[in-house]
Amino acid sequence: MPKYLVNQGLDYLNRRVEAGEIVDDIPAKSVAWLKEQGIIELADGSAKAKVEVEPAPIVEAAPVIADAIDSEDK
C-alpha cells in the first residue's frame, strides 16, 4: 500500500492525522481528490509537509510584587 504525506490536518476512518504525518491507510476512493487539492502527496524518503508555521510571539509578563500585609493595614 502506498504511503502518503499529509500536508493539512485530515479526519478519516474515525482518525485524525496532522500535517507532516505519513500514513498508508487513506481510503483508495479519496486519494485522487486529496492529491488534487494538495492535502496529501505520495511520500518518498525526502518528503516534507508544505506547512508553514509561524512561531508564537514571546510575551514577557510583568513581574508580580507581593507586599507583606502588616497588622496595621487591617
N, C-alpha and C. Protein backbone atom coordinates (compact mmCIF):
# COMPACT_ATOMS: atom_id res chain seq x y z
N MET A 1 0.84 -1.17 0.00
CA MET A 1 0.00 0.00 0.00
C MET A 1 0.89 1.25 0.00
N PRO A 2 0.62 2.21 -0.87
CA PRO A 2 1.47 3.41 -0.91
C PRO A 2 1.34 4.25 0.36
N LYS A 3 2.38 5.01 0.64
CA LYS A 3 2.38 5.89 1.79
C LYS A 3 2.21 7.33 1.30
N TYR A 4 1.47 8.11 2.09
CA TYR A 4 1.19 9.49 1.72
C TYR A 4 1.59 10.43 2.84
N LEU A 5 2.15 11.57 2.45
CA LEU A 5 2.48 12.63 3.38
C LEU A 5 1.27 13.54 3.47
N VAL A 6 0.85 13.84 4.67
CA VAL A 6 -0.30 14.70 4.90
C VAL A 6 0.20 16.14 5.01
N ASN A 7 -0.34 17.04 4.16
CA ASN A 7 0.07 18.45 4.15
C ASN A 7 -0.87 19.34 4.96
N GLN A 8 -1.99 18.79 5.38
CA GLN A 8 -3.01 19.55 6.10
C GLN A 8 -3.75 18.58 7.00
N GLY A 9 -4.13 19.01 8.19
CA GLY A 9 -4.86 18.13 9.10
C GLY A 9 -6.02 17.46 8.39
N LEU A 10 -6.27 16.20 8.70
CA LEU A 10 -7.25 15.41 7.97
C LEU A 10 -7.92 14.41 8.89
N ASP A 11 -9.25 14.33 8.79
CA ASP A 11 -10.03 13.34 9.54
C ASP A 11 -10.54 12.28 8.56
N TYR A 12 -10.32 11.01 8.88
CA TYR A 12 -10.84 9.92 8.05
C TYR A 12 -10.84 8.64 8.87
N LEU A 13 -11.76 7.75 8.55
CA LEU A 13 -11.85 6.45 9.22
C LEU A 13 -11.79 6.58 10.75
N ASN A 14 -12.54 7.53 11.30
CA ASN A 14 -12.56 7.76 12.75
C ASN A 14 -11.17 8.02 13.31
N ARG A 15 -10.36 8.74 12.55
CA ARG A 15 -8.98 9.01 12.91
C ARG A 15 -8.63 10.44 12.52
N ARG A 16 -7.73 11.07 13.25
CA ARG A 16 -7.25 12.41 12.93
C ARG A 16 -5.75 12.34 12.72
N VAL A 17 -5.27 12.89 11.60
CA VAL A 17 -3.83 12.99 11.36
C VAL A 17 -3.51 14.46 11.11
N GLU A 18 -2.33 14.85 11.52
CA GLU A 18 -1.91 16.24 11.39
C GLU A 18 -0.87 16.37 10.27
N ALA A 19 -0.68 17.60 9.83
CA ALA A 19 0.30 17.89 8.78
C ALA A 19 1.66 17.34 9.19
N GLY A 20 2.33 16.72 8.24
CA GLY A 20 3.66 16.16 8.48
C GLY A 20 3.66 14.68 8.75
N GLU A 21 2.50 14.12 9.05
CA GLU A 21 2.43 12.68 9.31
C GLU A 21 2.42 11.91 7.99
N ILE A 22 2.96 10.71 8.02
CA ILE A 22 2.93 9.82 6.86
C ILE A 22 1.99 8.68 7.18
N VAL A 23 1.04 8.45 6.29
CA VAL A 23 0.01 7.42 6.52
C VAL A 23 -0.08 6.49 5.33
N ASP A 24 -0.65 5.30 5.57
CA ASP A 24 -0.81 4.34 4.47
C ASP A 24 -2.21 3.73 4.45
N ASP A 25 -3.15 4.36 5.15
CA ASP A 25 -4.49 3.78 5.22
C ASP A 25 -5.60 4.72 4.74
N ILE A 26 -5.26 5.66 3.88
CA ILE A 26 -6.28 6.56 3.32
C ILE A 26 -7.13 5.74 2.34
N PRO A 27 -8.46 5.88 2.42
CA PRO A 27 -9.32 5.12 1.51
C PRO A 27 -8.98 5.40 0.04
N ALA A 28 -8.87 4.36 -0.74
CA ALA A 28 -8.46 4.47 -2.15
C ALA A 28 -9.35 5.43 -2.93
N LYS A 29 -10.65 5.45 -2.63
CA LYS A 29 -11.55 6.32 -3.39
C LYS A 29 -11.32 7.80 -3.08
N SER A 30 -10.58 8.12 -2.02
CA SER A 30 -10.34 9.52 -1.65
C SER A 30 -8.98 10.03 -2.10
N VAL A 31 -8.08 9.15 -2.46
CA VAL A 31 -6.70 9.53 -2.77
C VAL A 31 -6.63 10.55 -3.90
N ALA A 32 -7.34 10.33 -5.00
CA ALA A 32 -7.23 11.21 -6.17
C ALA A 32 -7.60 12.65 -5.83
N TRP A 33 -8.75 12.86 -5.20
CA TRP A 33 -9.15 14.25 -4.94
C TRP A 33 -8.32 14.89 -3.85
N LEU A 34 -7.85 14.09 -2.88
CA LEU A 34 -6.97 14.65 -1.84
C LEU A 34 -5.64 15.10 -2.45
N LYS A 35 -5.12 14.34 -3.41
CA LYS A 35 -3.90 14.74 -4.11
C LYS A 35 -4.13 15.98 -4.96
N GLU A 36 -5.27 16.05 -5.66
CA GLU A 36 -5.59 17.21 -6.49
C GLU A 36 -5.65 18.49 -5.66
N GLN A 37 -6.17 18.39 -4.45
CA GLN A 37 -6.31 19.55 -3.57
C GLN A 37 -5.00 19.87 -2.82
N GLY A 38 -4.00 19.02 -2.95
CA GLY A 38 -2.73 19.25 -2.28
C GLY A 38 -2.75 18.89 -0.81
N ILE A 39 -3.77 18.17 -0.39
CA ILE A 39 -3.90 17.79 1.02
C ILE A 39 -2.94 16.65 1.36
N ILE A 40 -2.72 15.76 0.39
CA ILE A 40 -1.76 14.67 0.56
C ILE A 40 -0.87 14.62 -0.67
N GLU A 41 0.26 13.96 -0.53
CA GLU A 41 1.13 13.69 -1.67
C GLU A 41 1.83 12.37 -1.42
N LEU A 42 2.22 11.73 -2.48
CA LEU A 42 2.92 10.47 -2.37
C LEU A 42 4.21 10.71 -1.58
N ALA A 43 4.43 9.91 -0.57
CA ALA A 43 5.61 10.10 0.28
C ALA A 43 6.79 9.33 -0.28
N ASP A 44 7.90 10.03 -0.39
CA ASP A 44 9.15 9.34 -0.69
C ASP A 44 10.07 9.66 0.49
N GLY A 45 11.24 9.19 0.47
CA GLY A 45 12.13 9.37 1.62
C GLY A 45 12.42 10.82 1.98
N SER A 46 12.28 11.74 1.01
CA SER A 46 12.64 13.13 1.27
C SER A 46 11.41 14.04 1.41
N ALA A 47 10.22 13.48 1.48
CA ALA A 47 9.00 14.29 1.55
C ALA A 47 8.92 15.06 2.86
N LYS A 48 8.51 16.32 2.73
CA LYS A 48 8.29 17.16 3.91
C LYS A 48 6.97 17.89 3.71
N ALA A 49 6.22 18.07 4.79
CA ALA A 49 4.93 18.74 4.71
C ALA A 49 5.11 20.18 4.23
N LYS A 50 4.16 20.65 3.44
CA LYS A 50 4.19 22.01 2.91
C LYS A 50 3.41 22.95 3.83
N VAL A 51 3.75 22.90 5.09
CA VAL A 51 3.05 23.70 6.08
C VAL A 51 4.01 24.72 6.66
N GLU A 52 3.60 25.96 6.67
CA GLU A 52 4.41 26.99 7.28
C GLU A 52 3.78 27.35 8.61
N VAL A 53 4.55 27.22 9.65
CA VAL A 53 4.05 27.51 10.98
C VAL A 53 4.84 28.69 11.53
N GLU A 54 4.11 29.75 11.89
CA GLU A 54 4.77 30.91 12.47
C GLU A 54 5.01 30.66 13.95
N PRO A 55 6.19 31.02 14.42
CA PRO A 55 6.44 30.83 15.85
C PRO A 55 5.54 31.74 16.68
N ALA A 56 5.17 31.27 17.83
CA ALA A 56 4.32 32.06 18.73
C ALA A 56 5.12 33.26 19.23
N PRO A 57 4.46 34.41 19.36
CA PRO A 57 5.19 35.58 19.87
C PRO A 57 5.61 35.38 21.33
N ILE A 58 6.73 35.94 21.66
CA ILE A 58 7.22 35.85 23.03
C ILE A 58 6.61 37.01 23.82
N VAL A 59 5.90 36.65 24.86
CA VAL A 59 5.26 37.66 25.70
C VAL A 59 5.91 37.61 27.07
N GLU A 60 6.45 38.75 27.46
CA GLU A 60 7.08 38.81 28.77
C GLU A 60 6.08 39.38 29.76
N ALA A 61 5.82 38.63 30.79
CA ALA A 61 4.87 39.06 31.81
C ALA A 61 5.56 40.03 32.77
N ALA A 62 4.79 41.00 33.25
CA ALA A 62 5.32 41.94 34.23
C ALA A 62 5.56 41.18 35.54
N PRO A 63 6.62 41.51 36.23
CA PRO A 63 6.88 40.83 37.50
C PRO A 63 5.79 41.12 38.52
N VAL A 64 5.49 40.14 39.32
CA VAL A 64 4.49 40.30 40.37
C VAL A 64 5.22 40.60 41.66
N ILE A 65 4.84 41.69 42.28
CA ILE A 65 5.46 42.07 43.54
C ILE A 65 4.42 41.92 44.63
N ALA A 66 4.70 41.09 45.58
CA ALA A 66 3.77 40.87 46.68
C ALA A 66 4.33 41.51 47.93
N ASP A 67 3.54 42.40 48.51
CA ASP A 67 3.95 43.04 49.76
C ASP A 67 3.36 42.26 50.92
N ALA A 68 4.08 42.18 51.98
CA ALA A 68 3.57 41.52 53.17
C ALA A 68 2.47 42.39 53.77
N ILE A 69 1.46 41.77 54.28
CA ILE A 69 0.37 42.52 54.90
C ILE A 69 0.72 42.74 56.37
N ASP A 70 0.74 44.00 56.76
CA ASP A 70 1.02 44.33 58.16
C ASP A 70 -0.30 44.31 58.94
N SER A 71 -0.21 44.05 60.20
CA SER A 71 -1.40 44.05 61.02
C SER A 71 -2.04 45.43 61.08
N GLU A 72 -1.27 46.48 60.79
CA GLU A 72 -1.80 47.83 60.80
C GLU A 72 -2.70 48.09 59.59
N ASP A 73 -2.52 47.34 58.49
CA ASP A 73 -3.30 47.55 57.27
C ASP A 73 -4.72 47.03 57.38
N LYS A 74 -5.03 46.27 58.40
CA LYS A 74 -6.35 45.67 58.53
C LYS A 74 -7.36 46.61 59.07
